[in-house]
Amino acid sequence: MVAARGGSEQEREREASSRSGSGLRVLVPALGEVWRSQVHTRLVLQLAPGSGPEGPRQAVLAASSISVAGASAWFTITAAGLQDYEPRLTSPAAV
C-alpha cells in the first residue's frame, strides 16, 4: 500500500520506529491523527431512473474498508419508514 505522501507502509513504520528512539514500533496514520476517526465507508444513494421523488431508491456501496464495493440494495421510503423493494425486470416485447 502506498501512502498519499509517498513510500510504502513498511518505510513509514521504519521512519516512525527510528523517530521513537526507544526501539519500539510506533505506527503513524498516513493522513495524520485527525483522519483516524473519519468514516471509511461511502454509499451512493440514487433514485431509480424515470421515477419521481416517491419512487424506489438504490443504495450502492461505493467504498469500504471491510466489504467489497458494488453491493447494492433497493428500498422505498414510506410513512412507515424504509421498506424493501424488489425491482421488476422488464422482458423484451413479444415480436
PDB file of N, CA and C in Angstrom:
ATOM      1  N   MET A   1       0.845  -1.182   0.000  1.00  0.00           N
ATOM      2  CA  MET A   1       0.000   0.000   0.000  1.00  0.00           C
ATOM      3  C   MET A   1       0.886   1.240   0.000  1.00  0.00           C
ATOM      4  N   VAL A   2       0.554   2.214  -0.823  1.00  0.00           N
ATOM      5  CA  VAL A   2       1.350   3.430  -0.918  1.00  0.00           C
ATOM      6  C   VAL A   2       0.580   4.570  -0.284  1.00  0.00           C
ATOM      7  N   ALA A   3       1.235   5.319   0.560  1.00  0.00           N
ATOM      8  CA  ALA A   3       0.591   6.440   1.254  1.00  0.00           C
ATOM      9  C   ALA A   3       0.492   7.638   0.326  1.00  0.00           C
ATOM     10  N   ALA A   4      -0.377   8.575   0.684  1.00  0.00           N
ATOM     11  CA  ALA A   4      -0.575   9.771  -0.130  1.00  0.00           C
ATOM     12  C   ALA A   4       0.708  10.593  -0.244  1.00  0.00           C
ATOM     13  N   ARG A   5       1.552  10.561   0.787  1.00  0.00           N
ATOM     14  CA  ARG A   5       2.760  11.373   0.730  1.00  0.00           C
ATOM     15  C   ARG A   5       3.952  10.590   0.196  1.00  0.00           C
ATOM     16  N   GLY A   6       3.726   9.361  -0.245  1.00  0.00           N
ATOM     17  CA  GLY A   6       4.771   8.562  -0.868  1.00  0.00           C
ATOM     18  C   GLY A   6       5.378   7.573   0.085  1.00  0.00           C
ATOM     19  N   GLY A   7       5.931   6.491  -0.476  1.00  0.00           N
ATOM     20  CA  GLY A   7       6.580   5.472   0.333  1.00  0.00           C
ATOM     21  C   GLY A   7       5.623   4.373   0.713  1.00  0.00           C
ATOM     22  N   SER A   8       6.177   3.218   1.026  1.00  0.00           N
ATOM     23  CA  SER A   8       5.347   2.080   1.404  1.00  0.00           C
ATOM     24  C   SER A   8       5.037   2.129   2.895  1.00  0.00           C
ATOM     25  N   GLU A   9       4.138   1.262   3.314  1.00  0.00           N
ATOM     26  CA  GLU A   9       3.768   1.194   4.730  1.00  0.00           C
ATOM     27  C   GLU A   9       4.976   0.788   5.573  1.00  0.00           C
ATOM     28  N   GLN A  10       5.770  -0.129   5.046  1.00  0.00           N
ATOM     29  CA  GLN A  10       6.968  -0.569   5.777  1.00  0.00           C
ATOM     30  C   GLN A  10       7.946   0.586   5.972  1.00  0.00           C
ATOM     31  N   GLU A  11       8.120   1.416   4.935  1.00  0.00           N
ATOM     32  CA  GLU A  11       9.018   2.565   5.064  1.00  0.00           C
ATOM     33  C   GLU A  11       8.529   3.527   6.135  1.00  0.00           C
ATOM     34  N   ARG A  12       7.217   3.755   6.196  1.00  0.00           N
ATOM     35  CA  ARG A  12       6.661   4.657   7.205  1.00  0.00           C
ATOM     36  C   ARG A  12       6.871   4.086   8.601  1.00  0.00           C
ATOM     37  N   GLU A  13       6.702   2.744   8.743  1.00  0.00           N
ATOM     38  CA  GLU A  13       6.923   2.123  10.048  1.00  0.00           C
ATOM     39  C   GLU A  13       8.384   2.256  10.476  1.00  0.00           C
ATOM     40  N   ARG A  14       9.312   2.076   9.534  1.00  0.00           N
ATOM     41  CA  ARG A  14      10.732   2.222   9.869  1.00  0.00           C
ATOM     42  C   ARG A  14      11.041   3.645  10.297  1.00  0.00           C
ATOM     43  N   GLU A  15      10.472   4.628   9.581  1.00  0.00           N
ATOM     44  CA  GLU A  15      10.688   6.030   9.962  1.00  0.00           C
ATOM     45  C   GLU A  15      10.163   6.293  11.369  1.00  0.00           C
ATOM     46  N   ALA A  16       8.953   5.827  11.638  1.00  0.00           N
ATOM     47  CA  ALA A  16       8.344   6.052  12.953  1.00  0.00           C
ATOM     48  C   ALA A  16       9.161   5.353  14.033  1.00  0.00           C
ATOM     49  N   SER A  17       9.643   4.140  13.732  1.00  0.00           N
ATOM     50  CA  SER A  17      10.439   3.390  14.701  1.00  0.00           C
ATOM     51  C   SER A  17      11.744   4.110  14.996  1.00  0.00           C
ATOM     52  N   SER A  18      12.378   4.647  13.961  1.00  0.00           N
ATOM     53  CA  SER A  18      13.651   5.332  14.186  1.00  0.00           C
ATOM     54  C   SER A  18      13.438   6.655  14.917  1.00  0.00           C
ATOM     55  N   ARG A  19      12.278   7.279  14.712  1.00  0.00           N
ATOM     56  CA  ARG A  19      11.999   8.545  15.403  1.00  0.00           C
ATOM     57  C   ARG A  19      11.726   8.323  16.887  1.00  0.00           C
ATOM     58  N   SER A  20      11.157   7.157  17.234  1.00  0.00           N
ATOM     59  CA  SER A  20      10.781   6.934  18.635  1.00  0.00           C
ATOM     60  C   SER A  20      12.013   6.819  19.533  1.00  0.00           C
ATOM     61  N   GLY A  21      13.144   6.344  18.980  1.00  0.00           N
ATOM     62  CA  GLY A  21      14.381   6.277  19.740  1.00  0.00           C
ATOM     63  C   GLY A  21      14.441   5.146  20.740  1.00  0.00           C
ATOM     64  N   SER A  22      13.307   4.574  21.119  1.00  0.00           N
ATOM     65  CA  SER A  22      13.309   3.520  22.133  1.00  0.00           C
ATOM     66  C   SER A  22      13.353   2.140  21.501  1.00  0.00           C
ATOM     67  N   GLY A  23      13.297   2.075  20.187  1.00  0.00           N
ATOM     68  CA  GLY A  23      13.276   0.792  19.509  1.00  0.00           C
ATOM     69  C   GLY A  23      11.877   0.215  19.385  1.00  0.00           C
ATOM     70  N   LEU A  24      10.907   0.843  20.016  1.00  0.00           N
ATOM     71  CA  LEU A  24       9.527   0.392  19.894  1.00  0.00           C
ATOM     72  C   LEU A  24       8.954   0.876  18.582  1.00  0.00           C
ATOM     73  N   ARG A  25       8.104   0.066  17.979  1.00  0.00           N
ATOM     74  CA  ARG A  25       7.464   0.473  16.731  1.00  0.00           C
ATOM     75  C   ARG A  25       6.297   1.388  17.027  1.00  0.00           C
ATOM     76  N   VAL A  26       6.260   2.500  16.371  1.00  0.00           N
ATOM     77  CA  VAL A  26       5.152   3.443  16.502  1.00  0.00           C
ATOM     78  C   VAL A  26       4.541   3.591  15.118  1.00  0.00           C
ATOM     79  N   LEU A  27       3.289   3.217  14.961  1.00  0.00           N
ATOM     80  CA  LEU A  27       2.622   3.322  13.679  1.00  0.00           C
ATOM     81  C   LEU A  27       1.916   4.668  13.600  1.00  0.00           C
ATOM     82  N   VAL A  28       2.291   5.462  12.619  1.00  0.00           N
ATOM     83  CA  VAL A  28       1.716   6.783  12.429  1.00  0.00           C
ATOM     84  C   VAL A  28       0.726   6.704  11.271  1.00  0.00           C
ATOM     85  N   PRO A  29      -0.541   7.101  11.452  1.00  0.00           N
ATOM     86  CA  PRO A  29      -1.506   7.063  10.351  1.00  0.00           C
ATOM     87  C   PRO A  29      -1.018   7.895   9.171  1.00  0.00           C
ATOM     88  N   ALA A  30      -1.228   7.390   7.961  1.00  0.00           N
ATOM     89  CA  ALA A  30      -0.729   8.040   6.747  1.00  0.00           C
ATOM     90  C   ALA A  30      -1.251   9.474   6.600  1.00  0.00           C
ATOM     91  N   LEU A  31      -2.491   9.714   6.990  1.00  0.00           N
ATOM     92  CA  LEU A  31      -3.064  11.055   6.842  1.00  0.00           C
ATOM     93  C   LEU A  31      -3.073  11.830   8.155  1.00  0.00           C
ATOM     94  N   GLY A  32      -2.451  11.303   9.186  1.00  0.00           N
ATOM     95  CA  GLY A  32      -2.383  12.008  10.460  1.00  0.00           C
ATOM     96  C   GLY A  32      -3.492  11.595  11.407  1.00  0.00           C
ATOM     97  N   GLU A  33      -3.372  12.009  12.636  1.00  0.00           N
ATOM     98  CA  GLU A  33      -4.328  11.643  13.688  1.00  0.00           C
ATOM     99  C   GLU A  33      -5.727  12.211  13.435  1.00  0.00           C
ATOM    100  N   VAL A  34      -5.813  13.336  12.741  1.00  0.00           N
ATOM    101  CA  VAL A  34      -7.115  13.972  12.501  1.00  0.00           C
ATOM    102  C   VAL A  34      -8.048  13.037  11.735  1.00  0.00           C
ATOM    103  N   TRP A  35      -7.510  12.225  10.820  1.00  0.00           N
ATOM    104  CA  TRP A  35      -8.329  11.382   9.972  1.00  0.00           C
ATOM    105  C   TRP A  35      -8.677  10.043  10.605  1.00  0.00           C
ATOM    106  N   ARG A  36      -8.096   9.694  11.737  1.00  0.00           N
ATOM    107  CA  ARG A  36      -8.312   8.378  12.335  1.00  0.00           C
ATOM    108  C   ARG A  36      -9.792   8.106  12.600  1.00  0.00           C
ATOM    109  N   SER A  37     -10.556   9.083  13.025  1.00  0.00           N
ATOM    110  CA  SER A  37     -11.949   8.860  13.410  1.00  0.00           C
ATOM    111  C   SER A  37     -12.934   9.046  12.262  1.00  0.00           C
ATOM    112  N   GLN A  38     -12.459   9.330  11.069  1.00  0.00           N
ATOM    113  CA  GLN A  38     -13.362   9.564   9.937  1.00  0.00           C
ATOM    114  C   GLN A  38     -13.958   8.253   9.431  1.00  0.00           C
ATOM    115  N   VAL A  39     -15.152   8.347   8.873  1.00  0.00           N
ATOM    116  CA  VAL A  39     -15.857   7.190   8.334  1.00  0.00           C
ATOM    117  C   VAL A  39     -15.114   6.682   7.098  1.00  0.00           C
ATOM    118  N   HIS A  40     -14.976   5.367   6.987  1.00  0.00           N
ATOM    119  CA  HIS A  40     -14.255   4.791   5.867  1.00  0.00           C
ATOM    120  C   HIS A  40     -15.169   3.999   4.941  1.00  0.00           C
ATOM    121  N   THR A  41     -16.437   4.321   4.938  1.00  0.00           N
ATOM    122  CA  THR A  41     -17.416   3.690   4.061  1.00  0.00           C
ATOM    123  C   THR A  41     -18.181   4.788   3.337  1.00  0.00           C
ATOM    124  N   ARG A  42     -18.392   4.590   2.029  1.00  0.00           N
ATOM    125  CA  ARG A  42     -19.119   5.594   1.248  1.00  0.00           C
ATOM    126  C   ARG A  42     -20.257   4.909   0.499  1.00  0.00           C
ATOM    127  N   LEU A  43     -21.475   5.450   0.648  1.00  0.00           N
ATOM    128  CA  LEU A  43     -22.661   4.964  -0.054  1.00  0.00           C
ATOM    129  C   LEU A  43     -23.095   5.979  -1.081  1.00  0.00           C
ATOM    130  N   VAL A  44     -23.562   5.499  -2.222  1.00  0.00           N
ATOM    131  CA  VAL A  44     -24.168   6.362  -3.228  1.00  0.00           C
ATOM    132  C   VAL A  44     -25.661   6.059  -3.204  1.00  0.00           C
ATOM    133  N   LEU A  45     -26.468   7.082  -2.952  1.00  0.00           N
ATOM    134  CA  LEU A  45     -27.922   6.934  -2.919  1.00  0.00           C
ATOM    135  C   LEU A  45     -28.493   7.560  -4.173  1.00  0.00           C
ATOM    136  N   GLN A  46     -29.360   6.810  -4.877  1.00  0.00           N
ATOM    137  CA  GLN A  46     -29.910   7.341  -6.128  1.00  0.00           C
ATOM    138  C   GLN A  46     -31.341   6.875  -6.335  1.00  0.00           C
ATOM    139  N   LEU A  47     -32.109   7.708  -7.035  1.00  0.00           N
ATOM    140  CA  LEU A  47     -33.467   7.346  -7.419  1.00  0.00           C
ATOM    141  C   LEU A  47     -33.412   6.437  -8.630  1.00  0.00           C
ATOM    142  N   ALA A  48     -34.396   5.548  -8.757  1.00  0.00           N
ATOM    143  CA  ALA A  48     -34.481   4.703  -9.947  1.00  0.00           C
ATOM    144  C   ALA A  48     -34.728   5.597 -11.160  1.00  0.00           C
ATOM    145  N   PRO A  49     -34.097   5.303 -12.289  1.00  0.00           N
ATOM    146  CA  PRO A  49     -34.296   6.125 -13.488  1.00  0.00           C
ATOM    147  C   PRO A  49     -35.777   6.209 -13.863  1.00  0.00           C
ATOM    148  N   GLY A  50     -36.226   7.405 -14.157  1.00  0.00           N
ATOM    149  CA  GLY A  50     -37.603   7.629 -14.581  1.00  0.00           C
ATOM    150  C   GLY A  50     -38.627   7.666 -13.461  1.00  0.00           C
ATOM    151  N   SER A  51     -38.202   7.534 -12.222  1.00  0.00           N
ATOM    152  CA  SER A  51     -39.170   7.565 -11.114  1.00  0.00           C
ATOM    153  C   SER A  51     -39.187   8.957 -10.490  1.00  0.00           C
ATOM    154  N   GLY A  52     -40.284   9.270  -9.871  1.00  0.00           N
ATOM    155  CA  GLY A  52     -40.406  10.564  -9.204  1.00  0.00           C
ATOM    156  C   GLY A  52     -39.818  10.513  -7.805  1.00  0.00           C
ATOM    157  N   PRO A  53     -40.018  11.579  -7.031  1.00  0.00           N
ATOM    158  CA  PRO A  53     -39.450  11.645  -5.683  1.00  0.00           C
ATOM    159  C   PRO A  53     -39.998  10.580  -4.729  1.00  0.00           C
ATOM    160  N   GLU A  54     -41.141   9.985  -5.054  1.00  0.00           N
ATOM    161  CA  GLU A  54     -41.722   8.935  -4.215  1.00  0.00           C
ATOM    162  C   GLU A  54     -41.289   7.548  -4.681  1.00  0.00           C
ATOM    163  N   GLY A  55     -40.497   7.481  -5.722  1.00  0.00           N
ATOM    164  CA  GLY A  55     -40.130   6.204  -6.331  1.00  0.00           C
ATOM    165  C   GLY A  55     -39.070   5.434  -5.561  1.00  0.00           C
ATOM    166  N   PRO A  56     -38.751   4.251  -6.074  1.00  0.00           N
ATOM    167  CA  PRO A  56     -37.745   3.411  -5.419  1.00  0.00           C
ATOM    168  C   PRO A  56     -36.360   4.037  -5.499  1.00  0.00           C
ATOM    169  N   ARG A  57     -35.544   3.698  -4.518  1.00  0.00           N
ATOM    170  CA  ARG A  57     -34.176   4.200  -4.448  1.00  0.00           C
ATOM    171  C   ARG A  57     -33.211   3.030  -4.342  1.00  0.00           C
ATOM    172  N   GLN A  58     -31.964   3.300  -4.688  1.00  0.00           N
ATOM    173  CA  GLN A  58     -30.936   2.282  -4.595  1.00  0.00           C
ATOM    174  C   GLN A  58     -29.765   2.828  -3.778  1.00  0.00           C
ATOM    175  N   ALA A  59     -29.265   2.024  -2.865  1.00  0.00           N
ATOM    176  CA  ALA A  59     -28.055   2.348  -2.107  1.00  0.00           C
ATOM    177  C   ALA A  59     -26.949   1.436  -2.625  1.00  0.00           C
ATOM    178  N   VAL A  60     -25.860   2.036  -3.114  1.00  0.00           N
ATOM    179  CA  VAL A  60     -24.743   1.269  -3.664  1.00  0.00           C
ATOM    180  C   VAL A  60     -23.515   1.538  -2.806  1.00  0.00           C
ATOM    181  N   LEU A  61     -22.855   0.482  -2.381  1.00  0.00           N
ATOM    182  CA  LEU A  61     -21.630   0.604  -1.608  1.00  0.00           C
ATOM    183  C   LEU A  61     -20.510   1.003  -2.560  1.00  0.00           C
ATOM    184  N   ALA A  62     -20.047   2.251  -2.439  1.00  0.00           N
ATOM    185  CA  ALA A  62     -19.023   2.768  -3.350  1.00  0.00           C
ATOM    186  C   ALA A  62     -17.615   2.522  -2.832  1.00  0.00           C
ATOM    187  N   ALA A  63     -17.424   2.549  -1.533  1.00  0.00           N
ATOM    188  CA  ALA A  63     -16.099   2.325  -0.951  1.00  0.00           C
ATOM    189  C   ALA A  63     -16.263   1.824   0.470  1.00  0.00           C
ATOM    190  N   SER A  64     -15.430   0.863   0.835  1.00  0.00           N
ATOM    191  CA  SER A  64     -15.479   0.320   2.186  1.00  0.00           C
ATOM    192  C   SER A  64     -14.155  -0.342   2.520  1.00  0.00           C
ATOM    193  N   SER A  65     -13.753  -0.236   3.770  1.00  0.00           N
ATOM    194  CA  SER A  65     -12.523  -0.887   4.193  1.00  0.00           C
ATOM    195  C   SER A  65     -12.781  -2.312   4.666  1.00  0.00           C
ATOM    196  N   ILE A  66     -14.057  -2.717   4.784  1.00  0.00           N
ATOM    197  CA  ILE A  66     -14.365  -4.054   5.284  1.00  0.00           C
ATOM    198  C   ILE A  66     -15.241  -4.887   4.360  1.00  0.00           C
ATOM    199  N   SER A  67     -15.664  -4.348   3.222  1.00  0.00           N
ATOM    200  CA  SER A  67     -16.535  -5.084   2.318  1.00  0.00           C
ATOM    201  C   SER A  67     -16.225  -4.719   0.877  1.00  0.00           C
ATOM    202  N   VAL A  68     -16.669  -5.565  -0.038  1.00  0.00           N
ATOM    203  CA  VAL A  68     -16.414  -5.342  -1.462  1.00  0.00           C
ATOM    204  C   VAL A  68     -17.364  -4.274  -1.996  1.00  0.00           C
ATOM    205  N   ALA A  69     -16.815  -3.303  -2.696  1.00  0.00           N
ATOM    206  CA  ALA A  69     -17.637  -2.246  -3.290  1.00  0.00           C
ATOM    207  C   ALA A  69     -18.524  -2.838  -4.388  1.00  0.00           C
ATOM    208  N   GLY A  70     -19.667  -2.209  -4.605  1.00  0.00           N
ATOM    209  CA  GLY A  70     -20.570  -2.622  -5.665  1.00  0.00           C
ATOM    210  C   GLY A  70     -21.843  -3.279  -5.161  1.00  0.00           C
ATOM    211  N   ALA A  71     -21.870  -3.727  -3.918  1.00  0.00           N
ATOM    212  CA  ALA A  71     -23.091  -4.316  -3.370  1.00  0.00           C
ATOM    213  C   ALA A  71     -24.178  -3.243  -3.338  1.00  0.00           C
ATOM    214  N   SER A  72     -25.419  -3.645  -3.548  1.00  0.00           N
ATOM    215  CA  SER A  72     -26.492  -2.649  -3.559  1.00  0.00           C
ATOM    216  C   SER A  72     -27.768  -3.212  -2.947  1.00  0.00           C
ATOM    217  N   ALA A  73     -28.655  -2.305  -2.585  1.00  0.00           N
ATOM    218  CA  ALA A  73     -29.960  -2.667  -2.031  1.00  0.00           C
ATOM    219  C   ALA A  73     -30.978  -1.643  -2.512  1.00  0.00           C
ATOM    220  N   TRP A  74     -32.155  -2.135  -2.851  1.00  0.00           N
ATOM    221  CA  TRP A  74     -33.254  -1.266  -3.264  1.00  0.00           C
ATOM    222  C   TRP A  74     -34.200  -1.063  -2.088  1.00  0.00           C
ATOM    223  N   PHE A  75     -34.772   0.140  -2.002  1.00  0.00           N
ATOM    224  CA  PHE A  75     -35.701   0.434  -0.919  1.00  0.00           C
ATOM    225  C   PHE A  75     -36.631   1.565  -1.338  1.00  0.00           C
ATOM    226  N   THR A  76     -37.732   1.708  -0.604  1.00  0.00           N
ATOM    227  CA  THR A  76     -38.637   2.841  -0.765  1.00  0.00           C
ATOM    228  C   THR A  76     -38.791   3.503   0.598  1.00  0.00           C
ATOM    229  N   ILE A  77     -39.158   4.758   0.564  1.00  0.00           N
ATOM    230  CA  ILE A  77     -39.412   5.497   1.799  1.00  0.00           C
ATOM    231  C   ILE A  77     -40.913   5.717   1.889  1.00  0.00           C
ATOM    232  N   THR A  78     -41.518   5.212   2.962  1.00  0.00           N
ATOM    233  CA  THR A  78     -42.962   5.340   3.155  1.00  0.00           C
ATOM    234  C   THR A  78     -43.222   6.014   4.501  1.00  0.00           C
ATOM    235  N   ALA A  79     -44.484   6.247   4.787  1.00  0.00           N
ATOM    236  CA  ALA A  79     -44.846   6.827   6.081  1.00  0.00           C
ATOM    237  C   ALA A  79     -44.449   5.899   7.225  1.00  0.00           C
ATOM    238  N   ALA A  80     -44.362   4.609   6.946  1.00  0.00           N
ATOM    239  CA  ALA A  80     -43.985   3.635   7.968  1.00  0.00           C
ATOM    240  C   ALA A  80     -42.466   3.487   8.099  1.00  0.00           C
ATOM    241  N   GLY A  81     -41.716   4.123   7.233  1.00  0.00           N
ATOM    242  CA  GLY A  81     -40.252   4.041   7.270  1.00  0.00           C
ATOM    243  C   GLY A  81     -39.689   3.430   5.999  1.00  0.00           C
ATOM    244  N   LEU A  82     -38.496   2.874   6.094  1.00  0.00           N
ATOM    245  CA  LEU A  82     -37.862   2.241   4.940  1.00  0.00           C
ATOM    246  C   LEU A  82     -38.469   0.864   4.703  1.00  0.00           C
ATOM    247  N   GLN A  83     -38.754   0.555   3.445  1.00  0.00           N
ATOM    248  CA  GLN A  83     -39.311  -0.737   3.062  1.00  0.00           C
ATOM    249  C   GLN A  83     -38.441  -1.351   1.968  1.00  0.00           C
ATOM    250  N   ASP A  84     -38.237  -2.672   2.031  1.00  0.00           N
ATOM    251  CA  ASP A  84     -37.525  -3.360   0.956  1.00  0.00           C
ATOM    252  C   ASP A  84     -38.275  -3.169  -0.350  1.00  0.00           C
ATOM    253  N   TYR A  85     -37.539  -3.162  -1.443  1.00  0.00           N
ATOM    254  CA  TYR A  85     -38.148  -3.010  -2.760  1.00  0.00           C
ATOM    255  C   TYR A  85     -37.480  -4.011  -3.691  1.00  0.00           C
ATOM    256  N   GLU A  86     -38.285  -4.773  -4.406  1.00  0.00           N
ATOM    257  CA  GLU A  86     -37.766  -5.706  -5.405  1.00  0.00           C
ATOM    258  C   GLU A  86     -38.009  -5.105  -6.785  1.00  0.00           C
ATOM    259  N   PRO A  87     -36.947  -4.670  -7.475  1.00  0.00           N
ATOM    260  CA  PRO A  87     -37.159  -4.097  -8.800  1.00  0.00           C
ATOM    261  C   PRO A  87     -37.685  -5.155  -9.766  1.00  0.00           C
ATOM    262  N   ARG A  88     -38.618  -4.754 -10.599  1.00  0.00           N
ATOM    263  CA  ARG A  88     -39.186  -5.667 -11.596  1.00  0.00           C
ATOM    264  C   ARG A  88     -38.320  -5.623 -12.834  1.00  0.00           C
ATOM    265  N   LEU A  89     -37.996  -6.790 -13.328  1.00  0.00           N
ATOM    266  CA  LEU A  89     -37.245  -6.858 -14.576  1.00  0.00           C
ATOM    267  C   LEU A  89     -38.241  -6.823 -15.726  1.00  0.00           C
ATOM    268  N   THR A  90     -37.995  -5.977 -16.688  1.00  0.00           N
ATOM    269  CA  THR A  90     -38.886  -5.885 -17.844  1.00  0.00           C
ATOM    270  C   THR A  90     -38.396  -6.849 -18.906  1.00  0.00           C
ATOM    271  N   SER A  91     -39.325  -7.585 -19.475  1.00  0.00           N
ATOM    272  CA  SER A  91     -38.966  -8.537 -20.536  1.00  0.00           C
ATOM    273  C   SER A  91     -39.118  -7.841 -21.878  1.00  0.00           C
ATOM    274  N   PRO A  92     -38.348  -8.262 -22.851  1.00  0.00           N
ATOM    275  CA  PRO A  92     -38.482  -7.660 -24.177  1.00  0.00           C
ATOM    276  C   PRO A  92     -39.889  -7.899 -24.729  1.00  0.00           C
ATOM    277  N   ALA A  93     -40.381  -6.967 -25.501  1.00  0.00           N
ATOM    278  CA  ALA A  93     -41.718  -7.071 -26.072  1.00  0.00           C
ATOM    279  C   ALA A  93     -41.770  -8.271 -27.027  1.00  0.00           C
ATOM    280  N   ALA A  94     -42.891  -8.969 -26.966  1.00  0.00           N
ATOM    281  CA  ALA A  94     -43.064 -10.134 -27.858  1.00  0.00           C
ATOM    282  C   ALA A  94     -43.133  -9.656 -29.286  1.00  0.00           C
ATOM    283  N   VAL A  95     -42.455 -10.354 -30.169  1.00  0.00           N
ATOM    284  CA  VAL A  95     -42.439  -9.960 -31.581  1.00  0.00           C
ATOM    285  C   VAL A  95     -43.357 -10.839 -32.354  1.00  0.00           C
TER     286      VAL A  95
END
